[in-house]
C-alpha atoms as a PDB file:
ATOM      1  CA  MET A   1     -30.141  42.467 -34.522  1.00  0.00           C
ATOM      2  CA  ASP A   2     -32.276  44.268 -31.963  1.00  0.00           C
ATOM      3  CA  HIS A   3     -31.586  41.916 -29.047  1.00  0.00           C
ATOM      4  CA  PRO A   4     -28.200  40.149 -29.311  1.00  0.00           C
ATOM      5  CA  GLY A   5     -28.532  39.267 -25.642  1.00  0.00           C
ATOM      6  CA  LEU A   6     -31.124  36.660 -26.561  1.00  0.00           C
ATOM      7  CA  TYR A   7     -28.372  34.606 -28.195  1.00  0.00           C
ATOM      8  CA  LEU A   8     -26.346  34.717 -24.983  1.00  0.00           C
ATOM      9  CA  ASP A   9     -29.344  33.554 -22.965  1.00  0.00           C
ATOM     10  CA  ARG A  10     -30.018  30.663 -25.338  1.00  0.00           C
ATOM     11  CA  MET A  11     -26.389  29.574 -25.263  1.00  0.00           C
ATOM     12  CA  ARG A  12     -26.358  29.556 -21.468  1.00  0.00           C
ATOM     13  CA  GLN A  13     -29.626  27.661 -21.294  1.00  0.00           C
ATOM     14  CA  ALA A  14     -28.200  25.002 -23.614  1.00  0.00           C
ATOM     15  CA  ALA A  15     -24.813  24.921 -21.803  1.00  0.00           C
ATOM     16  CA  PRO A  16     -23.474  23.124 -24.893  1.00  0.00           C
ATOM     17  CA  LEU A  17     -20.731  20.527 -24.806  1.00  0.00           C
ATOM     18  CA  VAL A  18     -18.089  21.857 -27.195  1.00  0.00           C
ATOM     19  CA  GLN A  19     -15.152  19.747 -28.329  1.00  0.00           C
ATOM     20  CA  ASN A  20     -12.061  21.868 -28.914  1.00  0.00           C
ATOM     21  CA  ILE A  21      -9.054  20.606 -30.843  1.00  0.00           C
ATOM     22  CA  THR A  22      -6.893  23.597 -30.143  1.00  0.00           C
ATOM     23  CA  ASN A  23      -3.249  24.454 -29.493  1.00  0.00           C
ATOM     24  CA  TYR A  24      -1.067  23.902 -26.438  1.00  0.00           C
ATOM     25  CA  VAL A  25      -0.945  27.629 -25.653  1.00  0.00           C
ATOM     26  CA  ALA A  26      -4.719  28.047 -25.646  1.00  0.00           C
ATOM     27  CA  MET A  27      -6.091  25.027 -23.793  1.00  0.00           C
ATOM     28  CA  ASN A  28      -6.232  26.365 -20.245  1.00  0.00           C
ATOM     29  CA  ILE A  29      -7.391  29.916 -20.957  1.00  0.00           C
ATOM     30  CA  MET A  30      -9.873  28.686 -23.565  1.00  0.00           C
ATOM     31  CA  ALA A  31     -11.446  26.234 -21.123  1.00  0.00           C
ATOM     32  CA  ASN A  32     -11.728  28.955 -18.476  1.00  0.00           C
ATOM     33  CA  VAL A  33     -13.216  31.438 -20.943  1.00  0.00           C
ATOM     34  CA  MET A  34     -15.850  28.953 -22.065  1.00  0.00           C
ATOM     35  CA  LEU A  35     -16.750  27.974 -18.510  1.00  0.00           C
ATOM     36  CA  ALA A  36     -17.105  31.643 -17.579  1.00  0.00           C
ATOM     37  CA  GLY A  37     -19.360  32.175 -20.578  1.00  0.00           C
ATOM     38  CA  GLY A  38     -21.623  29.265 -19.704  1.00  0.00           C
ATOM     39  CA  ALA A  39     -20.508  26.502 -22.070  1.00  0.00           C
ATOM     40  CA  SER A  40     -18.975  23.099 -21.320  1.00  0.00           C
ATOM     41  CA  PRO A  41     -15.538  22.687 -22.960  1.00  0.00           C
ATOM     42  CA  ALA A  42     -13.824  19.392 -23.746  1.00  0.00           C
ATOM     43  CA  MET A  43     -10.242  19.338 -25.017  1.00  0.00           C
ATOM     44  CA  VAL A  44     -10.213  16.036 -26.941  1.00  0.00           C
ATOM     45  CA  HIS A  45      -7.611  15.708 -29.669  1.00  0.00           C
ATOM     46  CA  ALA A  46      -6.237  12.130 -29.763  1.00  0.00           C
ATOM     47  CA  ARG A  47      -7.016  10.600 -33.136  1.00  0.00           C
ATOM     48  CA  GLU A  48      -8.023   7.341 -31.470  1.00  0.00           C
ATOM     49  CA  GLU A  49     -11.070   9.028 -29.915  1.00  0.00           C
ATOM     50  CA  ALA A  50     -11.516  12.465 -31.502  1.00  0.00           C
ATOM     51  CA  ALA A  51     -14.127  11.601 -34.139  1.00  0.00           C
ATOM     52  CA  GLU A  52     -15.978   9.312 -31.722  1.00  0.00           C
ATOM     53  CA  PHE A  53     -16.186  12.167 -29.233  1.00  0.00           C
ATOM     54  CA  THR A  54     -17.431  14.514 -31.955  1.00  0.00           C
ATOM     55  CA  ALA A  55     -20.552  12.338 -32.135  1.00  0.00           C
ATOM     56  CA  LEU A  56     -21.220  13.227 -28.476  1.00  0.00           C
ATOM     57  CA  ALA A  57     -20.486  16.959 -28.715  1.00  0.00           C
ATOM     58  CA  GLN A  58     -22.943  19.666 -29.697  1.00  0.00           C
ATOM     59  CA  ALA A  59     -20.266  21.694 -31.458  1.00  0.00           C
ATOM     60  CA  LEU A  60     -16.639  21.317 -32.563  1.00  0.00           C
ATOM     61  CA  THR A  61     -13.864  23.863 -32.885  1.00  0.00           C
ATOM     62  CA  ILE A  62     -10.536  23.314 -34.639  1.00  0.00           C
ATOM     63  CA  ASN A  63      -7.468  25.529 -34.213  1.00  0.00           C
ATOM     64  CA  ILE A  64      -4.279  24.734 -36.173  1.00  0.00           C
ATOM     65  CA  GLY A  65      -1.958  26.845 -34.020  1.00  0.00           C
ATOM     66  CA  THR A  66       0.422  24.066 -32.892  1.00  0.00           C
ATOM     67  CA  ILE A  67      -0.446  21.547 -35.558  1.00  0.00           C
ATOM     68  CA  SER A  68       1.326  18.199 -35.964  1.00  0.00           C
ATOM     69  CA  PRO A  69       0.596  15.199 -38.204  1.00  0.00           C
ATOM     70  CA  ALA A  70      -1.233  13.253 -35.486  1.00  0.00           C
ATOM     71  CA  TRP A  71      -3.335  16.279 -34.528  1.00  0.00           C
ATOM     72  CA  ALA A  72      -4.011  17.072 -38.182  1.00  0.00           C
ATOM     73  CA  ASP A  73      -5.422  13.580 -38.698  1.00  0.00           C
ATOM     74  CA  ALA A  74      -7.656  14.000 -35.650  1.00  0.00           C
ATOM     75  CA  MET A  75      -8.825  17.383 -36.928  1.00  0.00           C
ATOM     76  CA  LEU A  76      -9.691  15.999 -40.343  1.00  0.00           C
ATOM     77  CA  ASP A  77     -11.502  12.996 -38.854  1.00  0.00           C
ATOM     78  CA  SER A  78     -13.533  15.138 -36.458  1.00  0.00           C
ATOM     79  CA  ALA A  79     -14.366  17.757 -39.093  1.00  0.00           C
ATOM     80  CA  ALA A  80     -15.609  15.011 -41.407  1.00  0.00           C
ATOM     81  CA  ALA A  81     -17.703  13.532 -38.613  1.00  0.00           C
ATOM     82  CA  ALA A  82     -19.194  16.908 -37.737  1.00  0.00           C
ATOM     83  CA  HIS A  83     -20.037  17.614 -41.369  1.00  0.00           C
ATOM     84  CA  THR A  84     -21.683  14.213 -41.793  1.00  0.00           C
ATOM     85  CA  GLN A  85     -23.691  14.535 -38.574  1.00  0.00           C
ATOM     86  CA  GLY A  86     -24.718  18.148 -39.123  1.00  0.00           C
ATOM     87  CA  THR A  87     -22.857  19.279 -35.999  1.00  0.00           C
ATOM     88  CA  PRO A  88     -21.760  22.919 -36.205  1.00  0.00           C
ATOM     89  CA  TRP A  89     -18.001  23.320 -36.322  1.00  0.00           C
ATOM     90  CA  VAL A  90     -15.688  26.324 -36.334  1.00  0.00           C
ATOM     91  CA  LEU A  91     -12.303  26.555 -38.055  1.00  0.00           C
ATOM     92  CA  ASP A  92      -9.607  28.850 -36.653  1.00  0.00           C
ATOM     93  CA  PRO A  93      -6.883  28.822 -39.365  1.00  0.00           C
ATOM     94  CA  VAL A  94      -4.016  30.158 -37.255  1.00  0.00           C
ATOM     95  CA  ALA A  95      -1.093  31.362 -39.407  1.00  0.00           C
ATOM     96  CA  VAL A  96      -2.474  29.296 -42.293  1.00  0.00           C
ATOM     97  CA  GLY A  97      -0.384  31.159 -44.854  1.00  0.00           C
ATOM     98  CA  ALA A  98       2.934  30.791 -43.018  1.00  0.00           C
ATOM     99  CA  THR A  99       4.010  27.381 -44.386  1.00  0.00           C
ATOM    100  CA  GLY A 100       3.095  24.933 -47.107  1.00  0.00           C
ATOM    101  CA  TYR A 101       2.063  22.376 -44.485  1.00  0.00           C
ATOM    102  CA  ARG A 102      -0.425  24.762 -42.927  1.00  0.00           C
ATOM    103  CA  ARG A 103      -1.802  25.736 -46.309  1.00  0.00           C
ATOM    104  CA  ASP A 104      -2.324  22.062 -47.174  1.00  0.00           C
ATOM    105  CA  ILE A 105      -4.102  21.211 -43.910  1.00  0.00           C
ATOM    106  CA  GLY A 106      -6.124  24.410 -44.150  1.00  0.00           C
ATOM    107  CA  ALA A 107      -7.331  23.451 -47.623  1.00  0.00           C
ATOM    108  CA  GLN A 108      -8.279  19.943 -46.476  1.00  0.00           C
ATOM    109  CA  LEU A 109     -10.250  21.326 -43.527  1.00  0.00           C
ATOM    110  CA  LEU A 110     -11.923  23.897 -45.752  1.00  0.00           C
ATOM    111  CA  ALA A 111     -13.158  21.062 -47.977  1.00  0.00           C
ATOM    112  CA  ARG A 112     -15.091  19.743 -44.975  1.00  0.00           C
ATOM    113  CA  ASN A 113     -17.294  22.866 -45.046  1.00  0.00           C
ATOM    114  CA  PRO A 114     -16.905  24.555 -41.667  1.00  0.00           C
ATOM    115  CA  THR A 115     -20.022  26.191 -40.273  1.00  0.00           C
ATOM    116  CA  VAL A 116     -17.938  29.209 -39.292  1.00  0.00           C
ATOM    117  CA  ILE A 117     -14.410  30.303 -40.138  1.00  0.00           C
ATOM    118  CA  ARG A 118     -12.953  32.747 -37.618  1.00  0.00           C
ATOM    119  CA  GLY A 119      -9.589  34.339 -38.225  1.00  0.00           C
ATOM    120  CA  ASN A 120      -7.744  37.591 -38.644  1.00  0.00           C
ATOM    121  CA  ALA A 121      -7.584  39.361 -41.992  1.00  0.00           C
ATOM    122  CA  SER A 122      -4.300  37.798 -43.102  1.00  0.00           C
ATOM    123  CA  GLU A 123      -5.485  34.287 -42.219  1.00  0.00           C
ATOM    124  CA  VAL A 124      -8.797  34.668 -44.035  1.00  0.00           C
ATOM    125  CA  MET A 125      -7.089  36.068 -47.110  1.00  0.00           C
ATOM    126  CA  ALA A 126      -4.502  33.273 -47.164  1.00  0.00           C
ATOM    127  CA  LEU A 127      -7.187  30.615 -46.706  1.00  0.00           C
ATOM    128  CA  ALA A 128      -9.082  32.096 -49.645  1.00  0.00           C
ATOM    129  CA  GLY A 129      -5.963  31.998 -51.812  1.00  0.00           C
ATOM    130  CA  ALA A 130      -5.458  35.759 -51.856  1.00  0.00           C
ATOM    131  CA  GLU A 131      -2.079  37.404 -51.280  1.00  0.00           C
ATOM    132  CA  ALA A 132      -1.722  38.145 -47.571  1.00  0.00           C
ATOM    133  CA  SER A 133       0.956  39.631 -45.300  1.00  0.00           C
ATOM    134  CA  GLY A 134       0.624  37.799 -42.006  1.00  0.00           C
ATOM    135  CA  LYS A 135       3.396  37.830 -39.379  1.00  0.00           C
ATOM    136  CA  GLY A 136       3.126  34.421 -37.752  1.00  0.00           C
ATOM    137  CA  ALA A 137      -0.231  34.333 -35.999  1.00  0.00           C
ATOM    138  CA  ASP A 138      -0.587  38.122 -36.206  1.00  0.00           C
ATOM    139  CA  ALA A 139      -2.389  39.975 -38.972  1.00  0.00           C
ATOM    140  CA  ALA A 140      -0.506  42.396 -41.191  1.00  0.00           C
ATOM    141  CA  ASP A 141      -3.576  43.212 -43.292  1.00  0.00           C
ATOM    142  CA  ALA A 142      -6.511  45.437 -42.411  1.00  0.00           C
ATOM    143  CA  VAL A 143      -9.917  43.846 -41.862  1.00  0.00           C
ATOM    144  CA  ALA A 144     -11.347  45.856 -44.770  1.00  0.00           C
ATOM    145  CA  HIS A 145      -8.831  44.240 -47.137  1.00  0.00           C
ATOM    146  CA  ALA A 146     -10.300  40.814 -46.311  1.00  0.00           C
ATOM    147  CA  HIS A 147     -13.970  41.615 -46.963  1.00  0.00           C
ATOM    148  CA  GLN A 148     -14.039  40.142 -50.463  1.00  0.00           C
ATOM    149  CA  ALA A 149     -11.981  37.106 -49.458  1.00  0.00           C
ATOM    150  CA  ALA A 150     -14.446  36.494 -46.627  1.00  0.00           C
ATOM    151  CA  ARG A 151     -17.405  36.682 -48.997  1.00  0.00           C
ATOM    152  CA  ASP A 152     -15.682  34.319 -51.417  1.00  0.00           C
ATOM    153  CA  LEU A 153     -14.983  31.779 -48.662  1.00  0.00           C
ATOM    154  CA  ALA A 154     -18.537  31.996 -47.358  1.00  0.00           C
ATOM    155  CA  GLN A 155     -19.968  31.345 -50.807  1.00  0.00           C
ATOM    156  CA  ARG A 156     -17.529  28.490 -51.396  1.00  0.00           C
ATOM    157  CA  THR A 157     -18.278  26.709 -48.115  1.00  0.00           C
ATOM    158  CA  GLY A 158     -21.893  27.707 -47.557  1.00  0.00           C
ATOM    159  CA  GLY A 159     -20.880  28.865 -44.072  1.00  0.00           C
ATOM    160  CA  VAL A 160     -20.102  32.032 -42.158  1.00  0.00           C
ATOM    161  CA  VAL A 161     -16.759  33.851 -42.159  1.00  0.00           C
ATOM    162  CA  ALA A 162     -15.762  36.179 -39.317  1.00  0.00           C
ATOM    163  CA  VAL A 163     -12.747  38.446 -39.819  1.00  0.00           C
ATOM    164  CA  THR A 164     -11.727  39.723 -36.409  1.00  0.00           C
ATOM    165  CA  GLY A 165      -9.800  42.918 -35.709  1.00  0.00           C
ATOM    166  CA  PRO A 166     -10.460  46.435 -34.387  1.00  0.00           C
ATOM    167  CA  VAL A 167     -13.859  46.247 -36.110  1.00  0.00           C
ATOM    168  CA  ASP A 168     -14.961  42.694 -36.896  1.00  0.00           C
ATOM    169  CA  PHE A 169     -16.577  41.774 -40.215  1.00  0.00           C
ATOM    170  CA  VAL A 170     -18.980  38.830 -40.493  1.00  0.00           C
ATOM    171  CA  THR A 171     -20.591  37.478 -43.650  1.00  0.00           C
ATOM    172  CA  ASP A 172     -22.432  34.435 -44.929  1.00  0.00           C
ATOM    173  CA  GLY A 173     -21.974  35.544 -48.533  1.00  0.00           C
ATOM    174  CA  LYS A 174     -25.350  37.298 -48.596  1.00  0.00           C
ATOM    175  CA  ARG A 175     -25.670  39.064 -45.264  1.00  0.00           C
ATOM    176  CA  SER A 176     -22.894  41.011 -43.581  1.00  0.00           C
ATOM    177  CA  ALA A 177     -22.329  42.804 -40.294  1.00  0.00           C
ATOM    178  CA  GLU A 178     -19.654  44.782 -38.496  1.00  0.00           C
ATOM    179  CA  VAL A 179     -19.016  44.567 -34.760  1.00  0.00           C
ATOM    180  CA  ALA A 180     -17.125  47.433 -33.133  1.00  0.00           C
ATOM    181  CA  ASN A 181     -16.870  46.077 -29.567  1.00  0.00           C
ATOM    182  CA  GLY A 182     -13.452  45.299 -28.112  1.00  0.00           C
ATOM    183  CA  HIS A 183     -10.425  46.796 -26.358  1.00  0.00           C
ATOM    184  CA  VAL A 184      -6.738  47.191 -27.169  1.00  0.00           C
ATOM    185  CA  LEU A 185      -5.724  45.099 -24.136  1.00  0.00           C
ATOM    186  CA  MET A 186      -7.335  41.983 -25.590  1.00  0.00           C
ATOM    187  CA  PRO A 187      -4.469  41.145 -27.997  1.00  0.00           C
ATOM    188  CA  ARG A 188      -2.028  41.610 -25.095  1.00  0.00           C
ATOM    189  CA  VAL A 189      -3.223  38.395 -23.439  1.00  0.00           C
ATOM    190  CA  THR A 190      -2.201  35.232 -25.238  1.00  0.00           C
ATOM    191  CA  ALA A 191      -4.909  32.892 -26.533  1.00  0.00           C
ATOM    192  CA  LEU A 192      -7.853  35.258 -26.121  1.00  0.00           C
ATOM    193  CA  GLY A 193      -8.347  35.119 -29.886  1.00  0.00           C
ATOM    194  CA  CYS A 194      -8.191  31.330 -29.842  1.00  0.00           C
ATOM    195  CA  SER A 195     -10.647  31.286 -26.951  1.00  0.00           C
ATOM    196  CA  LEU A 196     -13.105  33.410 -28.924  1.00  0.00           C
ATOM    197  CA  THR A 197     -13.393  30.520 -31.381  1.00  0.00           C
ATOM    198  CA  GLY A 198     -14.788  28.351 -28.584  1.00  0.00           C
ATOM    199  CA  ILE A 199     -17.357  30.998 -27.661  1.00  0.00           C
ATOM    200  CA  VAL A 200     -18.445  31.241 -31.288  1.00  0.00           C
ATOM    201  CA  GLY A 201     -18.806  27.464 -31.399  1.00  0.00           C
ATOM    202  CA  ALA A 202     -20.987  27.497 -28.281  1.00  0.00           C
ATOM    203  CA  PHE A 203     -23.231  30.249 -29.662  1.00  0.00           C
ATOM    204  CA  THR A 204     -23.864  28.364 -32.914  1.00  0.00           C
ATOM    205  CA  VAL A 205     -25.598  25.437 -31.187  1.00  0.00           C
ATOM    206  CA  GLY A 206     -29.270  25.574 -32.137  1.00  0.00           C
ATOM    207  CA  GLN A 207     -29.003  29.121 -33.474  1.00  0.00           C
ATOM    208  CA  ASP A 208     -28.624  30.769 -36.879  1.00  0.00           C
ATOM    209  CA  PRO A 209     -24.835  30.653 -37.484  1.00  0.00           C
ATOM    210  CA  PHE A 210     -24.592  34.173 -38.915  1.00  0.00           C
ATOM    211  CA  GLU A 211     -26.605  35.883 -36.195  1.00  0.00           C
ATOM    212  CA  ALA A 212     -25.058  33.733 -33.466  1.00  0.00           C
ATOM    213  CA  THR A 213     -21.532  34.607 -34.617  1.00  0.00           C
ATOM    214  CA  VAL A 214     -22.312  38.323 -34.650  1.00  0.00           C
ATOM    215  CA  ALA A 215     -23.763  38.091 -31.135  1.00  0.00           C
ATOM    216  CA  ALA A 216     -20.770  36.066 -29.898  1.00  0.00           C
ATOM    217  CA  LEU A 217     -18.299  38.650 -31.170  1.00  0.00           C
ATOM    218  CA  ALA A 218     -20.253  41.484 -29.563  1.00  0.00           C
ATOM    219  CA  TYR A 219     -20.427  39.589 -26.255  1.00  0.00           C
ATOM    220  CA  TYR A 220     -16.705  38.902 -26.275  1.00  0.00           C
ATOM    221  CA  GLY A 221     -15.722  42.427 -27.253  1.00  0.00           C
ATOM    222  CA  LEU A 222     -18.033  44.031 -24.725  1.00  0.00           C
ATOM    223  CA  ALA A 223     -16.574  41.821 -22.000  1.00  0.00           C
ATOM    224  CA  GLY A 224     -13.170  43.169 -23.001  1.00  0.00           C
ATOM    225  CA  GLU A 225     -14.395  46.736 -22.674  1.00  0.00           C
ATOM    226  CA  ARG A 226     -15.853  46.088 -19.238  1.00  0.00           C
ATOM    227  CA  ALA A 227     -12.737  44.264 -18.049  1.00  0.00           C
ATOM    228  CA  ALA A 228     -10.496  47.126 -19.115  1.00  0.00           C
ATOM    229  CA  GLU A 229     -12.341  49.665 -16.982  1.00  0.00           C
ATOM    230  CA  GLY A 230     -10.437  48.715 -13.843  1.00  0.00           C
ATOM    231  CA  ALA A 231      -7.351  47.009 -15.258  1.00  0.00           C
ATOM    232  CA  ARG A 232      -3.968  48.735 -15.343  1.00  0.00           C
ATOM    233  CA  GLY A 233      -2.406  46.141 -17.639  1.00  0.00           C
ATOM    234  CA  PRO A 234      -2.698  42.658 -19.168  1.00  0.00           C
ATOM    235  CA  GLY A 235      -2.280  40.763 -15.890  1.00  0.00           C
ATOM    236  CA  ALA A 236      -5.238  42.346 -14.140  1.00  0.00           C
ATOM    237  CA  PHE A 237      -7.168  42.407 -17.384  1.00  0.00           C
ATOM    238  CA  GLN A 238      -7.088  38.616 -17.800  1.00  0.00           C
ATOM    239  CA  GLY A 239      -8.850  37.945 -14.515  1.00  0.00           C
ATOM    240  CA  ALA A 240     -11.270  40.821 -15.004  1.00  0.00           C
ATOM    241  CA  PHE A 241     -12.126  39.498 -18.450  1.00  0.00           C
ATOM    242  CA  LEU A 242     -13.224  36.116 -17.079  1.00  0.00           C
ATOM    243  CA  ASP A 243     -15.347  37.937 -14.512  1.00  0.00           C
ATOM    244  CA  ALA A 244     -16.891  40.137 -17.210  1.00  0.00           C
ATOM    245  CA  LEU A 245     -17.855  37.114 -19.287  1.00  0.00           C
ATOM    246  CA  TYR A 246     -19.411  35.483 -16.231  1.00  0.00           C
ATOM    247  CA  THR A 247     -21.333  38.483 -14.932  1.00  0.00           C
ATOM    248  CA  MET A 248     -22.661  39.878 -18.186  1.00  0.00           C
ATOM    249  CA  GLU A 249     -26.425  39.613 -18.539  1.00  0.00           C
ATOM    250  CA  ALA A 250     -28.432  39.458 -21.742  1.00  0.00           C
ATOM    251  CA  ALA A 251     -29.720  42.992 -21.179  1.00  0.00           C
ATOM    252  CA  ASP A 252     -26.133  44.264 -20.811  1.00  0.00           C
ATOM    253  CA  LEU A 253     -25.225  42.773 -24.163  1.00  0.00           C
ATOM    254  CA  SER A 254     -28.297  44.107 -25.925  1.00  0.00           C
ATOM    255  CA  ARG A 255     -27.524  47.610 -24.600  1.00  0.00           C
ATOM    256  CA  GLY A 256     -23.790  47.568 -25.180  1.00  0.00           C
ATOM    257  CA  ALA A 257     -23.422  45.724 -28.514  1.00  0.00           C
ATOM    258  CA  ARG A 258     -22.165  47.957 -31.313  1.00  0.00           C
ATOM    259  CA  ILE A 259     -23.389  46.055 -34.351  1.00  0.00           C
ATOM    260  CA  THR A 260     -23.867  47.552 -37.795  1.00  0.00           C
ATOM    261  CA  LEU A 261     -25.857  45.688 -40.446  1.00  0.00           C
ATOM    262  CA  PRO A 262     -25.099  47.381 -43.807  1.00  0.00           C
END
């Protein structure tokens, strides 16, 4: 990818409407992150309207962080609608291996063929049926340990799998890439990982899902690096991160992206 900034420009030009069925913790920060990036977020999760709204949205993201039966039904309805309509949708399988309920909902969502799956190594491994060592929503497995599970999931779903960590790994089962952008302060602010799922969803609209996901991860990680330059801790970092997302230009991303295509 010689010019990942082109994907940022295209996303901003489209200003896509992205429906996010996410968790209580993430809603506010995720909406702010997406607005700063240039997308239009909508937090619509009631089953009575979720699938109907999916027909209006240009992308859908689903995060099972604070799942409940009513929300699970809305997620399944919207994922089915997105799959039927050809709308790109992103699955964030938060702590999917922690309980039997999460594993069951994760499997049902997986059957609806997400365009992109974005999770940490433990989540991706658990979703693939491999033995994983997650600690709640946190990974206890290295990204490298999830490479094969990611490839297996990508081949099973026909989509893209992004394993995020110190160095992200992205694959569509045939192509693969590593993204080394990011900063250690990013995991110190709650919901930044969840918010990344929304950015990935926005980037996939009208763009190749594999390349768009790689560009989205580089954009997000580079914003973290730039935000950390003047931040003494997580509090200052959060505001600086929103500013970095907003002010970053395509040329900045193309210069600063650290993407390796094996």
